[in-house]
């Protein structure tokens, strides 16, 4: 699976860091991101603000390396407002 991720044109990590990775998972993640850096796109969909990411990774050195490959060369789109799931749920309830 790791080798196939290296070749993926766009890697989407949904719910980024919802569940903190183990040390081994973080090492695999660094390997994947290092291989992709500057060559292929990676899209993160986080549930937590960027300043909290470092603490959610199991090792400070790994966290520095992972975040260096993700944050500093990124295009960021920050959404504001209520969740669309909440808004659409309210519309569904009000129309019934």
N, C-alpha and C. Protein backbone atom coordinates (compact mmCIF):
# COMPACT_ATOMS: atom_id res chain seq x y z
N UNK A 1 0.82 -1.19 0.00
CA UNK A 1 0.00 0.00 0.00
C UNK A 1 0.87 1.26 0.00
N UNK A 2 1.93 1.24 0.77
CA UNK A 2 2.81 2.41 0.86
C UNK A 2 3.38 2.73 -0.53
N UNK A 3 3.81 1.72 -1.28
CA UNK A 3 4.37 1.96 -2.61
C UNK A 3 3.34 2.57 -3.55
N UNK A 4 2.09 2.14 -3.45
CA UNK A 4 1.05 2.70 -4.33
C UNK A 4 0.78 4.16 -3.99
N UNK A 5 0.91 4.55 -2.73
CA UNK A 5 0.71 5.94 -2.34
C UNK A 5 1.80 6.85 -2.91
N UNK A 6 2.99 6.30 -3.07
CA UNK A 6 4.09 7.08 -3.64
C UNK A 6 3.77 7.51 -5.08
N UNK A 7 2.97 6.71 -5.79
CA UNK A 7 2.70 6.95 -7.20
C UNK A 7 1.39 7.69 -7.45
N UNK A 8 0.60 7.93 -6.43
CA UNK A 8 -0.69 8.59 -6.58
C UNK A 8 -0.50 10.07 -6.90
N UNK A 9 -1.16 10.54 -7.97
CA UNK A 9 -1.02 11.95 -8.37
C UNK A 9 -1.54 12.91 -7.31
N UNK A 10 -2.66 12.55 -6.69
CA UNK A 10 -3.25 13.38 -5.63
C UNK A 10 -3.57 12.48 -4.45
N UNK A 11 -2.92 12.73 -3.34
CA UNK A 11 -3.18 12.00 -2.11
C UNK A 11 -4.05 12.89 -1.23
N UNK A 12 -5.25 12.40 -0.87
CA UNK A 12 -6.17 13.16 -0.02
C UNK A 12 -6.19 12.52 1.36
N UNK A 13 -5.85 13.30 2.36
CA UNK A 13 -5.88 12.84 3.75
C UNK A 13 -7.04 13.54 4.44
N UNK A 14 -8.19 12.87 4.45
CA UNK A 14 -9.40 13.42 5.04
C UNK A 14 -9.38 13.19 6.55
N UNK A 15 -9.98 14.09 7.29
CA UNK A 15 -9.96 14.04 8.76
C UNK A 15 -8.53 13.96 9.30
N UNK A 16 -7.66 14.74 8.69
CA UNK A 16 -6.22 14.78 9.04
C UNK A 16 -6.03 14.94 10.54
N UNK A 17 -5.33 14.00 11.13
CA UNK A 17 -4.96 13.96 12.55
C UNK A 17 -6.16 13.86 13.51
N UNK A 18 -7.30 13.42 13.01
CA UNK A 18 -8.43 13.17 13.91
C UNK A 18 -8.01 12.16 14.98
N UNK A 19 -7.35 11.09 14.52
CA UNK A 19 -6.76 10.10 15.42
C UNK A 19 -5.25 10.20 15.29
N UNK A 20 -4.56 10.59 16.34
CA UNK A 20 -3.11 10.74 16.24
C UNK A 20 -2.44 9.43 15.80
N UNK A 21 -1.47 9.51 14.88
CA UNK A 21 -0.82 8.30 14.40
C UNK A 21 0.16 7.74 15.42
N UNK A 22 0.43 6.44 15.31
CA UNK A 22 1.47 5.82 16.12
C UNK A 22 2.83 6.27 15.58
N UNK A 23 3.87 5.93 16.29
CA UNK A 23 5.22 6.29 15.86
C UNK A 23 5.53 5.66 14.50
N UNK A 24 5.19 4.40 14.33
CA UNK A 24 5.44 3.71 13.05
C UNK A 24 4.62 4.35 11.93
N UNK A 25 3.37 4.67 12.19
CA UNK A 25 2.53 5.33 11.18
C UNK A 25 3.09 6.70 10.80
N UNK A 26 3.57 7.44 11.78
CA UNK A 26 4.16 8.75 11.51
C UNK A 26 5.43 8.62 10.66
N UNK A 27 6.21 7.58 10.92
CA UNK A 27 7.42 7.35 10.12
C UNK A 27 7.06 7.01 8.68
N UNK A 28 6.02 6.19 8.48
CA UNK A 28 5.55 5.89 7.12
C UNK A 28 5.04 7.15 6.44
N UNK A 29 4.32 7.96 7.19
CA UNK A 29 3.78 9.20 6.64
C UNK A 29 4.90 10.12 6.18
N UNK A 30 5.93 10.26 6.99
CA UNK A 30 7.07 11.08 6.60
C UNK A 30 7.72 10.53 5.32
N UNK A 31 7.87 9.24 5.23
CA UNK A 31 8.46 8.62 4.05
C UNK A 31 7.63 8.95 2.81
N UNK A 32 6.32 8.82 2.92
CA UNK A 32 5.43 9.12 1.79
C UNK A 32 5.51 10.59 1.41
N UNK A 33 5.41 11.47 2.41
CA UNK A 33 5.43 12.91 2.13
C UNK A 33 6.77 13.37 1.58
N UNK A 34 7.83 12.79 2.08
CA UNK A 34 9.16 13.15 1.59
C UNK A 34 9.31 12.77 0.13
N UNK A 35 8.80 11.61 -0.24
CA UNK A 35 8.88 11.16 -1.62
C UNK A 35 8.03 12.03 -2.56
N UNK A 36 6.90 12.52 -2.06
CA UNK A 36 5.96 13.30 -2.87
C UNK A 36 6.34 14.78 -2.95
N UNK A 37 7.12 15.25 -2.00
CA UNK A 37 7.38 16.69 -1.85
C UNK A 37 7.88 17.32 -3.14
N UNK A 38 7.16 18.33 -3.60
CA UNK A 38 7.54 19.07 -4.79
C UNK A 38 7.25 18.35 -6.10
N UNK A 39 6.69 17.14 -6.03
CA UNK A 39 6.44 16.36 -7.25
C UNK A 39 4.96 16.03 -7.45
N UNK A 40 4.25 15.79 -6.37
CA UNK A 40 2.85 15.38 -6.46
C UNK A 40 2.04 16.12 -5.40
N UNK A 41 0.74 16.22 -5.63
CA UNK A 41 -0.13 16.99 -4.74
C UNK A 41 -0.62 16.15 -3.57
N UNK A 42 -0.73 16.81 -2.43
CA UNK A 42 -1.32 16.22 -1.24
C UNK A 42 -2.33 17.21 -0.70
N UNK A 43 -3.54 16.73 -0.46
CA UNK A 43 -4.62 17.56 0.04
C UNK A 43 -4.99 17.10 1.44
N UNK A 44 -4.97 18.02 2.39
CA UNK A 44 -5.35 17.70 3.77
C UNK A 44 -6.70 18.31 4.07
N UNK A 45 -7.52 17.56 4.76
CA UNK A 45 -8.81 18.06 5.23
C UNK A 45 -8.78 17.88 6.76
N UNK A 46 -8.30 18.91 7.47
CA UNK A 46 -8.13 18.78 8.92
C UNK A 46 -9.39 19.16 9.70
N UNK A 47 -9.45 18.65 10.90
CA UNK A 47 -10.51 19.01 11.83
C UNK A 47 -9.97 19.88 12.96
N UNK A 48 -8.66 20.08 12.95
CA UNK A 48 -8.00 20.85 14.01
C UNK A 48 -7.16 21.96 13.38
N UNK A 49 -7.01 23.09 14.08
CA UNK A 49 -6.18 24.17 13.55
C UNK A 49 -4.71 23.77 13.48
N UNK A 50 -4.00 24.34 12.53
CA UNK A 50 -2.59 24.01 12.30
C UNK A 50 -1.73 24.10 13.56
N UNK A 51 -1.91 25.11 14.42
CA UNK A 51 -1.05 25.18 15.62
C UNK A 51 -1.16 23.96 16.55
N UNK A 52 -2.19 23.14 16.41
CA UNK A 52 -2.34 21.96 17.28
C UNK A 52 -1.76 20.69 16.66
N UNK A 53 -1.36 20.75 15.40
CA UNK A 53 -0.90 19.54 14.72
C UNK A 53 0.37 18.95 15.33
N UNK A 54 1.30 19.79 15.68
CA UNK A 54 2.59 19.31 16.21
C UNK A 54 2.37 18.41 17.42
N UNK A 55 1.52 18.82 18.32
CA UNK A 55 1.27 18.04 19.54
C UNK A 55 0.54 16.73 19.27
N UNK A 56 -0.12 16.61 18.14
CA UNK A 56 -0.88 15.40 17.81
C UNK A 56 0.00 14.32 17.17
N UNK A 57 1.24 14.66 16.85
CA UNK A 57 2.17 13.70 16.28
C UNK A 57 3.05 13.15 17.39
N UNK A 58 3.45 11.87 17.30
CA UNK A 58 4.04 11.18 18.46
C UNK A 58 5.48 11.56 18.82
N UNK A 59 6.20 12.21 17.93
CA UNK A 59 7.60 12.52 18.18
C UNK A 59 7.90 13.91 17.66
N UNK A 60 8.50 14.77 18.47
CA UNK A 60 8.74 16.16 18.03
C UNK A 60 9.58 16.29 16.77
N UNK A 61 10.59 15.45 16.61
CA UNK A 61 11.44 15.52 15.42
C UNK A 61 10.67 15.10 14.18
N UNK A 62 9.91 14.01 14.31
CA UNK A 62 9.06 13.57 13.19
C UNK A 62 8.02 14.63 12.87
N UNK A 63 7.43 15.22 13.90
CA UNK A 63 6.42 16.26 13.70
C UNK A 63 7.01 17.43 12.92
N UNK A 64 8.21 17.86 13.29
CA UNK A 64 8.87 18.96 12.57
C UNK A 64 9.06 18.61 11.09
N UNK A 65 9.51 17.40 10.84
CA UNK A 65 9.77 16.97 9.46
C UNK A 65 8.49 16.86 8.65
N UNK A 66 7.46 16.26 9.22
CA UNK A 66 6.18 16.10 8.53
C UNK A 66 5.57 17.46 8.23
N UNK A 67 5.52 18.31 9.24
CA UNK A 67 4.90 19.62 9.06
C UNK A 67 5.70 20.51 8.11
N UNK A 68 7.01 20.35 8.10
CA UNK A 68 7.84 21.11 7.17
C UNK A 68 7.44 20.80 5.73
N UNK A 69 7.11 19.55 5.46
CA UNK A 69 6.74 19.14 4.10
C UNK A 69 5.30 19.50 3.75
N UNK A 70 4.49 19.78 4.75
CA UNK A 70 3.07 20.07 4.51
C UNK A 70 2.71 21.54 4.59
N UNK A 71 3.18 22.22 5.58
CA UNK A 71 2.68 23.56 5.90
C UNK A 71 3.37 24.68 5.13
N UNK A 72 4.67 24.62 5.00
CA UNK A 72 5.42 25.78 4.55
C UNK A 72 5.36 26.04 3.05
N UNK A 73 4.96 25.07 2.27
CA UNK A 73 4.85 25.25 0.82
C UNK A 73 3.40 25.04 0.38
N UNK A 74 2.46 25.25 1.28
CA UNK A 74 1.06 24.90 1.02
C UNK A 74 0.24 26.10 0.54
N UNK A 75 -0.78 25.78 -0.19
CA UNK A 75 -1.84 26.73 -0.51
C UNK A 75 -2.97 26.42 0.47
N UNK A 76 -3.36 27.41 1.26
CA UNK A 76 -4.36 27.16 2.30
C UNK A 76 -5.69 27.80 1.93
N UNK A 77 -6.73 27.03 2.14
CA UNK A 77 -8.09 27.52 1.97
C UNK A 77 -8.80 27.26 3.30
N UNK A 78 -9.12 28.33 3.99
CA UNK A 78 -9.78 28.19 5.28
C UNK A 78 -11.25 28.56 5.12
N UNK A 79 -12.10 27.65 5.47
CA UNK A 79 -13.54 27.88 5.36
C UNK A 79 -14.06 28.50 6.65
N UNK A 80 -15.06 29.34 6.51
CA UNK A 80 -15.68 29.97 7.68
C UNK A 80 -17.17 29.62 7.68
N UNK A 81 -17.77 29.71 8.83
CA UNK A 81 -19.20 29.46 8.92
C UNK A 81 -19.51 28.08 9.45
N UNK A 82 -20.80 27.80 9.49
CA UNK A 82 -21.26 26.53 10.03
C UNK A 82 -21.00 25.39 9.05
N UNK A 83 -20.96 24.21 9.60
CA UNK A 83 -20.80 23.01 8.80
C UNK A 83 -21.97 22.83 7.85
N UNK A 84 -21.66 22.43 6.62
CA UNK A 84 -22.72 22.19 5.64
C UNK A 84 -23.61 21.02 6.07
N UNK A 85 -23.07 20.08 6.79
CA UNK A 85 -23.89 18.98 7.30
C UNK A 85 -24.96 19.51 8.25
N UNK A 86 -24.59 20.44 9.08
CA UNK A 86 -25.55 21.03 10.02
C UNK A 86 -26.59 21.84 9.26
N UNK A 87 -26.12 22.69 8.34
CA UNK A 87 -27.05 23.53 7.58
C UNK A 87 -28.00 22.70 6.74
N UNK A 88 -27.50 21.71 6.07
CA UNK A 88 -28.36 20.86 5.22
C UNK A 88 -29.30 20.01 6.06
N UNK A 89 -28.85 19.61 7.23
CA UNK A 89 -29.72 18.85 8.14
C UNK A 89 -30.87 19.70 8.62
N UNK A 90 -30.61 20.97 8.90
CA UNK A 90 -31.66 21.87 9.34
C UNK A 90 -32.66 22.12 8.20
N UNK A 91 -32.18 22.25 6.97
CA UNK A 91 -33.07 22.42 5.82
C UNK A 91 -33.96 21.21 5.63
N UNK A 92 -33.41 20.04 5.80
CA UNK A 92 -34.19 18.81 5.64
C UNK A 92 -35.26 18.72 6.71
N UNK A 93 -34.89 19.04 7.94
CA UNK A 93 -35.86 19.00 9.04
C UNK A 93 -36.97 20.02 8.86
N UNK A 94 -36.62 21.20 8.37
CA UNK A 94 -37.63 22.26 8.24
C UNK A 94 -38.59 22.01 7.07
N UNK A 95 -38.15 21.18 6.10
CA UNK A 95 -39.02 20.92 4.95
C UNK A 95 -39.93 19.72 5.15
N UNK A 96 -39.76 19.01 6.26
CA UNK A 96 -40.62 17.84 6.50
C UNK A 96 -41.78 18.18 7.39
